[in-house]
Amino acid sequence: MSDHVTDYDREHFTIYIRLLDAERDGVCNEDMARGILGIDPVAEPTRAKRALTSHLNRAHWMTTQGYKDLLK
């Protein structure tokens, strides 16, 4: 994981915000994986969990550190 905002971050910024909103609203992980990431957690539980975890971690990082790159 980069310690700077990447092109991938910029391309997925809306997804990060949607995940953070869903997490705040108490949406379950399965629904976030399915509805936001487009991964069926029943058919692909490992992939869904890994993708959701990595995207949520990056979304939280963007709110605490990454935003500083955007302000430059």
C-alpha atoms as a PDB file:
ATOM      1  CA  MET A   1       0.000   0.000   0.000  1.00  0.00           C
ATOM      2  CA  SER A   2       1.347   3.384  -0.991  1.00  0.00           C
ATOM      3  CA  ASP A   3       1.765   6.145   1.562  1.00  0.00           C
ATOM      4  CA  HIS A   4       0.625   8.651  -1.084  1.00  0.00           C
ATOM      5  CA  VAL A   5      -2.621   9.052  -2.987  1.00  0.00           C
ATOM      6  CA  THR A   6      -2.431   6.951  -6.140  1.00  0.00           C
ATOM      7  CA  ASP A   7      -4.264   7.029  -9.453  1.00  0.00           C
ATOM      8  CA  TYR A   8      -6.232   4.025  -8.177  1.00  0.00           C
ATOM      9  CA  ASP A   9      -7.313   6.069  -5.141  1.00  0.00           C
ATOM     10  CA  ARG A  10      -8.452   8.915  -7.357  1.00  0.00           C
ATOM     11  CA  GLU A  11     -10.401   6.524  -9.592  1.00  0.00           C
ATOM     12  CA  HIS A  12     -12.047   4.846  -6.592  1.00  0.00           C
ATOM     13  CA  PHE A  13     -12.682   7.910  -4.438  1.00  0.00           C
ATOM     14  CA  THR A  14     -16.468   7.586  -4.848  1.00  0.00           C
ATOM     15  CA  ILE A  15     -16.318   3.952  -3.758  1.00  0.00           C
ATOM     16  CA  TYR A  16     -14.327   4.928  -0.661  1.00  0.00           C
ATOM     17  CA  ILE A  17     -16.927   7.543   0.272  1.00  0.00           C
ATOM     18  CA  ARG A  18     -19.795   5.122  -0.329  1.00  0.00           C
ATOM     19  CA  LEU A  19     -18.100   2.506   1.861  1.00  0.00           C
ATOM     20  CA  LEU A  20     -17.497   4.990   4.666  1.00  0.00           C
ATOM     21  CA  ASP A  21     -21.126   6.147   4.511  1.00  0.00           C
ATOM     22  CA  ALA A  22     -22.378   2.560   4.517  1.00  0.00           C
ATOM     23  CA  GLU A  23     -20.119   1.641   7.426  1.00  0.00           C
ATOM     24  CA  ARG A  24     -21.359   4.669   9.380  1.00  0.00           C
ATOM     25  CA  ASP A  25     -24.942   3.656   8.656  1.00  0.00           C
ATOM     26  CA  GLY A  26     -24.336   0.123   9.936  1.00  0.00           C
ATOM     27  CA  VAL A  27     -24.657  -1.656   6.590  1.00  0.00           C
ATOM     28  CA  CYS A  28     -23.436  -5.238   6.898  1.00  0.00           C
ATOM     29  CA  ASN A  29     -20.230  -6.316   5.176  1.00  0.00           C
ATOM     30  CA  GLU A  30     -22.048  -8.639   2.801  1.00  0.00           C
ATOM     31  CA  ASP A  31     -24.309  -5.854   1.563  1.00  0.00           C
ATOM     32  CA  MET A  32     -21.355  -3.478   1.139  1.00  0.00           C
ATOM     33  CA  ALA A  33     -19.433  -6.091  -0.847  1.00  0.00           C
ATOM     34  CA  ARG A  34     -22.419  -6.840  -3.056  1.00  0.00           C
ATOM     35  CA  GLY A  35     -23.886  -3.364  -3.450  1.00  0.00           C
ATOM     36  CA  ILE A  36     -20.770  -1.218  -3.622  1.00  0.00           C
ATOM     37  CA  LEU A  37     -17.959  -3.474  -4.759  1.00  0.00           C
ATOM     38  CA  GLY A  38     -20.092  -5.694  -6.975  1.00  0.00           C
ATOM     39  CA  ILE A  39     -18.776  -8.917  -5.437  1.00  0.00           C
ATOM     40  CA  ASP A  40     -21.131 -11.698  -4.424  1.00  0.00           C
ATOM     41  CA  PRO A  41     -20.070 -12.624  -0.879  1.00  0.00           C
ATOM     42  CA  VAL A  42     -21.834 -15.987  -1.080  1.00  0.00           C
ATOM     43  CA  ALA A  43     -20.129 -17.068  -4.298  1.00  0.00           C
ATOM     44  CA  GLU A  44     -16.765 -15.485  -3.453  1.00  0.00           C
ATOM     45  CA  PRO A  45     -16.535 -15.029   0.338  1.00  0.00           C
ATOM     46  CA  THR A  46     -12.745 -14.764   0.524  1.00  0.00           C
ATOM     47  CA  ARG A  47     -12.494 -12.274  -2.318  1.00  0.00           C
ATOM     48  CA  ALA A  48     -15.392 -10.221  -0.930  1.00  0.00           C
ATOM     49  CA  LYS A  49     -13.859 -10.041   2.539  1.00  0.00           C
ATOM     50  CA  ARG A  50     -10.376  -9.221   1.239  1.00  0.00           C
ATOM     51  CA  ALA A  51     -11.626  -6.524  -1.148  1.00  0.00           C
ATOM     52  CA  LEU A  52     -13.912  -4.944   1.421  1.00  0.00           C
ATOM     53  CA  THR A  53     -11.212  -4.910   4.086  1.00  0.00           C
ATOM     54  CA  SER A  54      -8.583  -3.407   1.798  1.00  0.00           C
ATOM     55  CA  HIS A  55     -10.932  -0.768   0.386  1.00  0.00           C
ATOM     56  CA  LEU A  56     -12.245   0.222   3.817  1.00  0.00           C
ATOM     57  CA  ASN A  57      -8.712   0.423   5.197  1.00  0.00           C
ATOM     58  CA  ARG A  58      -7.706   2.657   2.305  1.00  0.00           C
ATOM     59  CA  ALA A  59     -10.840   4.773   2.731  1.00  0.00           C
ATOM     60  CA  HIS A  60     -10.006   5.324   6.403  1.00  0.00           C
ATOM     61  CA  TRP A  61      -6.402   6.143   5.488  1.00  0.00           C
ATOM     62  CA  MET A  62      -7.656   8.726   2.989  1.00  0.00           C
ATOM     63  CA  THR A  63      -9.593  10.471   5.768  1.00  0.00           C
ATOM     64  CA  THR A  64      -6.633  10.606   8.149  1.00  0.00           C
ATOM     65  CA  GLN A  65      -3.566  10.921   5.917  1.00  0.00           C
ATOM     66  CA  GLY A  66      -4.259  10.748   2.191  1.00  0.00           C
ATOM     67  CA  TYR A  67      -6.379  13.874   2.053  1.00  0.00           C
ATOM     68  CA  LYS A  68      -3.200  15.875   2.664  1.00  0.00           C
ATOM     69  CA  ASP A  69      -1.952  14.880  -0.793  1.00  0.00           C
ATOM     70  CA  LEU A  70      -5.192  16.150  -2.287  1.00  0.00           C
ATOM     71  CA  LEU A  71      -4.716  19.532  -0.650  1.00  0.00           C
ATOM     72  CA  LYS A  72      -1.318  20.089  -2.238  1.00  0.00           C
END
